[in-house]
Amino acid sequence: MNEFYEKTGYPRLVVDLEKLRTNLNVVLGKCSDLGIEVAGVVKGCTALIPCVEQFANAGCRWIASSRLEQLAAVRDAGIQTDLMMIRIPGLSEVEDVVRICDYSLNSEIEVIKELNRAAGRQDRIHKVILMADIGDLREGFWDKDEMLETALMVENDMRNLELAGVGTNVGCYGSVLATADKLRELVDIAEAIEEKIGRELEVISGGATTSFMRVWDGDIPERINMLRIGEGILLARDFREHFGYNMEGLNTDVFTLEAEVIEVKDKPSHPVGEISVDAFGHKVQYEDRGIRRRALLGIGKVDFGGNISELFPRLEGIEILGASSDHTILDIQNMVDEGRTLKTGDIVRFDLNYATMVYVTNSDNIVKVYI
């Protein structure tokens, strides 16, 4: 902590832990009804410890993240839930993966061999989940014979690793839908491995939040027994916005971004002078709409990731015109035309999507408040 300054005031992020608990109870309850356990993915909220505690207390079997530093912070906080690394690790990370995590997702044999050696040096048993690429073309074995050979190698030759199961990912890169038929491909792979190793796998992980729609519709293949869910708990926004689901009972406003108005003035709507590029090197087209009332907020692209289209003002009549590193510019003329306005010191509140949630929870400039 800086002895001369402690950040207070705005911008700030208000996290409603009660609404988060509600979302956890709904999602875990629906999964439990179908025999599915949940790895609570906390990377979306940068593993803010008060949020992670809600995941653990609600009954998530695992706490999961793609960032080792986040999982280390969870471990340091004394949270006892098993930890899972959900980005396949690099060779440079194997010692830390074994030291910090109980489980990891894997698809590279050389990394798996090094995990085994690291676990031996640390006198630990580390559990691995082999990832199958069933079409989304991110991580995972594409050659299923190679995957089967690797599973046999882990099972029979790697004394410091345990083959916990298999998993897949859909929708994150290749936009592939998590249909029931697509997830049955993973079950078929799992059963082929089980036949070869002579036992049932602990985990068949059918994907992330994008697979939760199969739970919502009740048609997820029976043997899928684990999902890795983050956004569907933290925001519950994607299914409504992108797939038209009525996610009744889930709160989409767990997180509220608040920013302070630091200037309100009437100004031209088109810059005056020779036009070049903005602070980020972009050529921007400006519409001349005459003199308009504008409000300036003390928050910028550095804080929320740079894309103004992914901030959603709760107050009607606000149009986000643009942003620089540290300022966001609003057109509030429609408010003025309706007899309303903003003044210096007012607070403007925004809903977030996944992208902006990741940025604002990771920003030291954003004060975190829990209610």
Protein backbone atom coordinates (compact mmCIF):
# COMPACT_ATOMS: atom_id res chain seq x y z
CA MET A 1 0.00 0.00 0.00
CA ASN A 2 1.27 3.49 -0.86
CA GLU A 3 1.75 5.39 2.41
CA PHE A 4 0.89 8.69 0.73
CA TYR A 5 -2.29 7.67 -1.06
CA GLU A 6 -5.04 5.08 -0.74
CA LYS A 7 -7.56 4.99 -3.56
CA THR A 8 -11.10 5.86 -2.45
CA GLY A 9 -14.15 7.31 -4.12
CA TYR A 10 -14.65 6.71 -7.84
CA PRO A 11 -14.53 4.97 -10.20
CA ARG A 12 -15.69 2.00 -8.21
CA LEU A 13 -17.16 -1.44 -8.71
CA VAL A 14 -20.03 -2.48 -6.46
CA VAL A 15 -20.32 -6.25 -6.07
CA ASP A 16 -23.61 -7.56 -4.71
CA LEU A 17 -22.61 -10.76 -2.93
CA GLU A 18 -26.20 -11.68 -2.11
CA LYS A 19 -27.10 -11.66 -5.81
CA LEU A 20 -23.98 -13.69 -6.52
CA ARG A 21 -25.07 -16.25 -3.92
CA THR A 22 -28.47 -16.45 -5.60
CA ASN A 23 -26.87 -17.16 -8.97
CA LEU A 24 -24.63 -19.80 -7.45
CA ASN A 25 -27.55 -21.54 -5.77
CA VAL A 26 -29.59 -21.59 -9.00
CA VAL A 27 -26.76 -22.83 -11.23
CA LEU A 28 -25.40 -25.41 -8.79
CA GLY A 29 -28.92 -26.61 -8.03
CA LYS A 30 -29.78 -27.19 -11.70
CA CYS A 31 -26.46 -28.96 -12.26
CA SER A 32 -26.85 -31.10 -9.15
CA ASP A 33 -30.28 -32.27 -10.31
CA LEU A 34 -28.53 -33.84 -13.32
CA GLY A 35 -25.61 -35.29 -11.36
CA ILE A 36 -23.17 -32.57 -12.48
CA GLU A 37 -20.57 -30.96 -10.23
CA VAL A 38 -19.32 -27.45 -10.89
CA ALA A 39 -15.84 -26.02 -11.18
CA GLY A 40 -16.43 -22.38 -10.30
CA VAL A 41 -14.37 -20.31 -12.72
CA VAL A 42 -13.26 -17.10 -11.04
CA LYS A 43 -10.98 -15.59 -13.70
CA GLY A 44 -13.82 -13.32 -14.88
CA CYS A 45 -13.80 -11.49 -11.56
CA THR A 46 -9.99 -11.70 -11.23
CA ALA A 47 -10.51 -14.09 -8.30
CA LEU A 48 -11.61 -11.32 -5.95
CA ILE A 49 -11.49 -13.19 -2.66
CA PRO A 50 -14.95 -12.17 -1.34
CA CYS A 51 -16.39 -13.54 -4.61
CA VAL A 52 -14.30 -16.71 -4.45
CA GLU A 53 -15.55 -17.32 -0.92
CA GLN A 54 -19.12 -17.34 -2.23
CA PHE A 55 -18.18 -19.95 -4.86
CA ALA A 56 -16.56 -22.16 -2.24
CA ASN A 57 -19.32 -21.76 0.34
CA ALA A 58 -22.01 -22.51 -2.24
CA GLY A 59 -20.50 -25.93 -2.85
CA CYS A 60 -18.36 -25.66 -5.97
CA ARG A 61 -16.27 -28.83 -6.04
CA TRP A 62 -13.35 -26.92 -7.57
CA ILE A 63 -12.23 -23.30 -7.83
CA ALA A 64 -10.83 -22.78 -11.31
CA SER A 65 -8.89 -20.14 -13.19
CA SER A 66 -6.58 -19.77 -16.15
CA ARG A 67 -4.19 -17.64 -14.09
CA LEU A 68 -1.80 -19.18 -11.61
CA GLU A 69 -1.42 -15.93 -9.70
CA GLN A 70 -5.17 -15.95 -9.03
CA LEU A 71 -5.14 -19.54 -7.81
CA ALA A 72 -2.14 -18.78 -5.61
CA ALA A 73 -4.08 -15.89 -4.06
CA VAL A 74 -7.00 -18.24 -3.40
CA ARG A 75 -4.63 -20.69 -1.73
CA ASP A 76 -3.05 -17.88 0.32
CA ALA A 77 -6.52 -16.80 1.47
CA GLY A 78 -6.97 -20.19 3.12
CA ILE A 79 -9.82 -21.40 0.90
CA GLN A 80 -9.66 -25.19 1.06
CA THR A 81 -11.53 -26.13 -2.14
CA ASP A 82 -9.55 -28.08 -4.75
CA LEU A 83 -7.95 -25.75 -7.29
CA MET A 84 -7.95 -26.30 -11.04
CA MET A 85 -5.79 -24.70 -13.73
CA ILE A 86 -8.01 -24.40 -16.81
CA ARG A 87 -5.52 -22.99 -19.31
CA ILE A 88 -3.25 -25.79 -20.44
CA PRO A 89 0.11 -25.07 -18.76
CA GLY A 90 3.37 -24.22 -20.43
CA LEU A 91 6.64 -26.00 -19.71
CA SER A 92 7.80 -22.96 -17.75
CA GLU A 93 4.86 -23.32 -15.34
CA VAL A 94 4.89 -26.98 -14.35
CA GLU A 95 6.52 -26.55 -10.93
CA ASP A 96 4.01 -23.88 -9.93
CA VAL A 97 1.06 -25.79 -11.38
CA VAL A 98 1.89 -28.81 -9.24
CA ARG A 99 2.63 -26.70 -6.16
CA ILE A 100 -0.53 -24.60 -6.36
CA CYS A 101 -3.14 -26.72 -8.16
CA ASP A 102 -4.76 -30.07 -7.51
CA TYR A 103 -5.98 -30.49 -11.10
CA SER A 104 -4.93 -29.17 -14.50
CA LEU A 105 -6.22 -29.44 -18.07
CA ASN A 106 -3.66 -30.80 -20.53
CA SER A 107 -3.13 -31.66 -24.18
CA GLU A 108 0.67 -31.73 -24.71
CA ILE A 109 2.58 -34.89 -23.87
CA GLU A 110 5.87 -33.10 -23.18
CA VAL A 111 4.16 -30.86 -20.65
CA ILE A 112 2.47 -33.87 -19.07
CA LYS A 113 5.83 -35.62 -18.71
CA GLU A 114 7.27 -32.55 -17.00
CA LEU A 115 4.25 -32.35 -14.69
CA ASN A 116 4.99 -35.93 -13.66
CA ARG A 117 8.62 -35.08 -12.96
CA ALA A 118 7.66 -31.94 -11.02
CA ALA A 119 5.12 -33.87 -8.97
CA GLY A 120 7.82 -36.42 -8.18
CA ARG A 121 10.20 -33.71 -7.00
CA GLN A 122 7.45 -32.29 -4.80
CA ASP A 123 6.32 -35.72 -3.59
CA ARG A 124 2.78 -35.06 -4.74
CA ILE A 125 0.12 -36.69 -6.88
CA HIS A 126 -1.24 -34.25 -9.46
CA LYS A 127 -4.50 -34.93 -11.28
CA VAL A 128 -4.72 -34.29 -15.02
CA ILE A 129 -7.73 -33.94 -17.30
CA LEU A 130 -6.94 -34.60 -20.96
CA MET A 131 -8.63 -32.15 -23.32
CA ALA A 132 -10.28 -33.28 -26.54
CA ASP A 133 -10.77 -30.84 -29.43
CA ILE A 134 -14.17 -31.70 -30.85
CA GLY A 135 -14.32 -28.83 -33.30
CA ASP A 136 -13.82 -25.46 -31.59
CA LEU A 137 -10.12 -25.57 -32.55
CA ARG A 138 -8.61 -24.13 -29.41
CA GLU A 139 -6.82 -26.51 -27.04
CA GLY A 140 -7.12 -30.27 -27.06
CA PHE A 141 -6.13 -33.45 -28.88
CA TRP A 142 -7.44 -33.49 -32.44
CA ASP A 143 -5.99 -36.93 -33.12
CA LYS A 144 -8.02 -39.16 -30.80
CA ASP A 145 -5.57 -42.07 -31.20
CA GLU A 146 -2.88 -39.77 -29.81
CA MET A 147 -5.20 -38.88 -26.94
CA LEU A 148 -5.84 -42.55 -26.17
CA GLU A 149 -2.11 -43.31 -26.21
CA THR A 150 -1.46 -40.39 -23.88
CA ALA A 151 -4.19 -41.55 -21.50
CA LEU A 152 -2.62 -45.03 -21.36
CA MET A 153 0.79 -43.47 -20.72
CA VAL A 154 -0.52 -41.36 -17.83
CA GLU A 155 -2.44 -44.30 -16.40
CA ASN A 156 0.35 -46.87 -16.60
CA ASP A 157 3.69 -45.06 -16.68
CA MET A 158 3.42 -41.82 -14.70
CA ARG A 159 3.48 -42.63 -11.01
CA ASN A 160 3.08 -39.03 -9.84
CA LEU A 161 0.08 -38.23 -12.01
CA GLU A 162 -3.49 -39.44 -11.82
CA LEU A 163 -5.65 -39.55 -14.93
CA ALA A 164 -8.71 -37.82 -13.50
CA GLY A 165 -10.68 -37.61 -16.71
CA VAL A 166 -11.29 -35.92 -20.02
CA GLY A 167 -12.75 -32.59 -21.00
CA THR A 168 -13.50 -30.30 -23.88
CA ASN A 169 -14.19 -26.69 -24.71
CA VAL A 170 -16.68 -25.31 -27.22
CA GLY A 171 -17.74 -21.81 -28.13
CA CYS A 172 -14.75 -19.81 -26.90
CA TYR A 173 -12.82 -19.60 -30.16
CA GLY A 174 -14.58 -21.38 -33.00
CA SER A 175 -18.10 -20.38 -31.92
CA VAL A 176 -19.18 -24.04 -32.03
CA LEU A 177 -22.48 -24.66 -30.24
CA ALA A 178 -22.53 -27.08 -27.33
CA THR A 179 -25.21 -29.31 -28.79
CA ALA A 180 -26.12 -32.61 -27.19
CA ASP A 181 -24.69 -34.45 -30.20
CA LYS A 182 -21.43 -32.53 -29.97
CA LEU A 183 -21.03 -33.35 -26.26
CA ARG A 184 -21.78 -37.02 -26.94
CA GLU A 185 -18.54 -37.03 -28.94
CA LEU A 186 -16.71 -36.35 -25.68
CA VAL A 187 -18.59 -39.14 -23.91
CA ASP A 188 -17.61 -41.54 -26.70
CA ILE A 189 -13.95 -40.55 -26.25
CA ALA A 190 -14.20 -41.02 -22.49
CA GLU A 191 -15.74 -44.46 -22.82
CA ALA A 192 -13.07 -45.54 -25.31
CA ILE A 193 -10.41 -44.56 -22.78
CA GLU A 194 -12.27 -46.27 -19.93
CA GLU A 195 -12.40 -49.48 -21.93
CA LYS A 196 -8.62 -49.39 -22.42
CA ILE A 197 -7.67 -48.51 -18.83
CA GLY A 198 -10.26 -50.80 -17.25
CA ARG A 199 -11.90 -48.29 -14.93
CA GLU A 200 -14.35 -45.40 -14.89
CA LEU A 201 -12.95 -41.88 -15.11
CA GLU A 202 -13.63 -39.50 -12.24
CA VAL A 203 -14.43 -36.55 -14.50
CA ILE A 204 -16.04 -36.03 -17.89
CA SER A 205 -15.96 -32.24 -18.20
CA GLY A 206 -18.42 -31.09 -20.84
CA GLY A 207 -17.20 -27.55 -21.22
CA ALA A 208 -17.79 -24.14 -19.76
CA THR A 209 -20.71 -21.70 -19.46
CA THR A 210 -21.48 -22.28 -23.14
CA SER A 211 -22.46 -25.86 -22.24
CA PHE A 212 -24.80 -24.79 -19.43
CA MET A 213 -27.63 -24.33 -21.92
CA ARG A 214 -27.76 -28.14 -22.17
CA VAL A 215 -28.41 -28.22 -18.42
CA TRP A 216 -31.04 -25.48 -18.76
CA ASP A 217 -32.79 -27.48 -21.51
CA GLY A 218 -32.28 -30.79 -19.70
CA ASP A 219 -30.67 -32.59 -22.64
CA ILE A 220 -27.02 -32.82 -21.61
CA PRO A 221 -25.59 -36.32 -22.20
CA GLU A 222 -25.98 -38.41 -19.06
CA ARG A 223 -22.31 -39.14 -18.42
CA ILE A 224 -21.19 -35.50 -18.42
CA ASN A 225 -20.57 -34.99 -14.73
CA MET A 226 -18.66 -31.69 -14.54
CA LEU A 227 -18.92 -28.21 -16.06
CA ARG A 228 -16.56 -25.27 -15.66
CA ILE A 229 -18.83 -22.26 -15.15
CA GLY A 230 -17.86 -18.63 -14.67
CA GLU A 231 -19.83 -16.07 -16.71
CA GLY A 232 -23.07 -18.01 -16.25
CA ILE A 233 -22.75 -17.41 -12.51
CA LEU A 234 -21.06 -14.02 -12.37
CA LEU A 235 -23.14 -12.24 -15.01
CA ALA A 236 -25.69 -14.67 -16.51
CA ARG A 237 -25.83 -12.33 -19.48
CA ASP A 238 -24.55 -14.28 -22.50
CA PHE A 239 -27.43 -16.74 -22.81
CA ARG A 240 -29.99 -13.95 -22.77
CA GLU A 241 -28.08 -11.66 -25.14
CA HIS A 242 -26.67 -14.19 -27.60
CA PHE A 243 -29.02 -17.18 -27.48
CA GLY A 244 -32.37 -15.70 -26.41
CA TYR A 245 -32.72 -17.69 -23.20
CA ASN A 246 -34.95 -16.41 -20.42
CA MET A 247 -32.59 -17.00 -17.51
CA GLU A 248 -35.31 -16.64 -14.90
CA GLY A 249 -34.04 -16.49 -11.36
CA LEU A 250 -30.52 -15.35 -12.30
CA ASN A 251 -29.27 -11.84 -11.57
CA THR A 252 -27.50 -9.99 -14.38
CA ASP A 253 -26.49 -7.08 -12.13
CA VAL A 254 -24.13 -8.67 -9.63
CA PHE A 255 -21.54 -6.08 -10.74
CA THR A 256 -22.21 -2.35 -11.06
CA LEU A 257 -19.56 0.02 -12.38
CA GLU A 258 -19.88 3.55 -11.02
CA ALA A 259 -18.08 6.58 -12.47
CA GLU A 260 -18.09 10.23 -11.41
CA VAL A 261 -19.07 13.13 -13.65
CA ILE A 262 -16.14 15.56 -13.68
CA GLU A 263 -17.32 18.05 -16.32
CA VAL A 264 -20.63 19.06 -17.94
CA LYS A 265 -20.63 21.57 -20.82
CA ASP A 266 -22.25 22.42 -24.14
CA LYS A 267 -19.74 21.75 -26.92
CA PRO A 268 -19.63 21.16 -30.67
CA SER A 269 -20.23 17.55 -31.66
CA HIS A 270 -17.45 17.64 -34.28
CA PRO A 271 -13.82 18.35 -33.36
CA VAL A 272 -12.59 21.75 -34.51
CA GLY A 273 -9.33 21.68 -36.47
CA GLU A 274 -7.40 19.39 -38.79
CA ILE A 275 -8.30 15.75 -38.00
CA SER A 276 -5.55 13.17 -37.48
CA VAL A 277 -5.61 10.13 -35.15
CA ASP A 278 -6.71 9.72 -31.56
CA ALA A 279 -4.50 8.80 -28.59
CA PHE A 280 -4.57 5.13 -29.61
CA GLY A 281 -3.63 5.76 -33.24
CA HIS A 282 -7.16 5.23 -34.60
CA LYS A 283 -8.84 7.31 -37.27
CA VAL A 284 -12.31 8.13 -35.97
CA GLN A 285 -15.32 9.39 -37.91
CA TYR A 286 -17.26 12.16 -36.14
CA GLU A 287 -20.84 13.20 -36.87
CA ASP A 288 -21.63 16.91 -36.82
CA ARG A 289 -24.86 17.25 -34.83
CA GLY A 290 -24.33 20.82 -33.73
CA ILE A 291 -23.87 22.00 -30.17
CA ARG A 292 -24.71 19.23 -27.68
CA ARG A 293 -24.62 18.85 -23.89
CA ARG A 294 -21.74 16.57 -22.96
CA ALA A 295 -20.61 15.01 -19.69
CA LEU A 296 -17.09 13.82 -18.95
CA LEU A 297 -16.47 10.85 -16.64
CA GLY A 298 -13.33 10.16 -14.63
CA ILE A 299 -12.81 6.70 -16.11
CA GLY A 300 -11.19 5.60 -19.37
CA LYS A 301 -10.10 2.83 -21.67
CA VAL A 302 -7.30 1.80 -19.33
CA ASP A 303 -9.93 0.84 -16.76
CA PHE A 304 -12.61 -0.94 -18.81
CA GLY A 305 -10.70 -2.37 -21.74
CA GLY A 306 -11.21 0.23 -24.39
CA ASN A 307 -14.48 -0.83 -26.03
CA ILE A 308 -17.24 1.65 -25.22
CA SER A 309 -19.85 -0.63 -26.81
CA GLU A 310 -19.35 -3.03 -23.90
CA LEU A 311 -20.48 -0.52 -21.27
CA PHE A 312 -24.23 -0.30 -20.71
CA PRO A 313 -25.54 2.86 -18.96
CA ARG A 314 -28.48 2.21 -16.68
CA LEU A 315 -29.74 5.76 -17.04
CA GLU A 316 -31.81 6.38 -20.17
CA GLY A 317 -30.84 9.23 -22.47
CA ILE A 318 -27.09 8.66 -22.30
CA GLU A 319 -25.00 7.99 -25.39
CA ILE A 320 -21.34 7.05 -24.99
CA LEU A 321 -19.45 9.01 -27.64
CA GLY A 322 -15.93 7.77 -26.98
CA ALA A 323 -13.11 7.51 -24.51
CA SER A 324 -9.43 8.23 -24.06
CA SER A 325 -7.13 6.54 -21.57
CA ASP A 326 -8.64 8.26 -18.55
CA HIS A 327 -11.87 9.94 -19.69
CA THR A 328 -15.19 8.77 -21.10
CA ILE A 329 -17.33 11.25 -23.04
CA LEU A 330 -21.13 11.11 -22.86
CA ASP A 331 -23.73 12.88 -24.97
CA ILE A 332 -26.59 13.73 -22.61
CA GLN A 333 -28.55 16.07 -24.91
CA ASN A 334 -31.51 13.66 -24.98
CA MET A 335 -31.70 13.92 -21.19
CA VAL A 336 -31.66 17.71 -21.42
CA ASP A 337 -34.41 17.68 -24.04
CA GLU A 338 -36.55 15.70 -21.56
CA GLY A 339 -35.88 18.14 -18.72
CA ARG A 340 -33.19 16.08 -17.04
CA THR A 341 -29.43 16.54 -16.81
CA LEU A 342 -26.25 15.51 -15.09
CA LYS A 343 -24.07 17.78 -12.99
CA THR A 344 -20.50 17.62 -11.77
CA GLY A 345 -20.22 15.10 -8.95
CA ASP A 346 -23.11 12.92 -10.12
CA ILE A 347 -22.51 9.18 -10.38
CA VAL A 348 -23.29 7.27 -13.57
CA ARG A 349 -23.86 3.53 -13.25
CA PHE A 350 -23.17 0.86 -15.85
CA ASP A 351 -23.92 -2.79 -16.37
CA LEU A 352 -21.05 -4.88 -17.68
CA ASN A 353 -20.46 -7.78 -20.00
CA TYR A 354 -17.76 -10.41 -19.60
CA ALA A 355 -15.04 -8.38 -21.32
CA THR A 356 -15.55 -5.25 -19.22
CA MET A 357 -15.93 -7.30 -16.03
CA VAL A 358 -12.50 -8.85 -16.61
CA TYR A 359 -10.90 -5.43 -17.03
CA VAL A 360 -12.57 -3.53 -14.19
CA THR A 361 -12.03 -6.29 -11.64
CA ASN A 362 -8.35 -6.35 -12.63
CA SER A 363 -7.86 -2.57 -12.43
CA ASP A 364 -6.17 -1.13 -9.34
CA ASN A 365 -7.78 2.19 -10.22
CA ILE A 366 -11.24 0.77 -9.61
CA VAL A 367 -12.29 0.75 -5.94
CA LYS A 368 -14.03 -2.53 -5.02
CA VAL A 369 -17.05 -2.32 -2.72
CA TYR A 370 -18.97 -5.40 -1.51
CA ILE A 371 -22.56 -5.29 -0.36
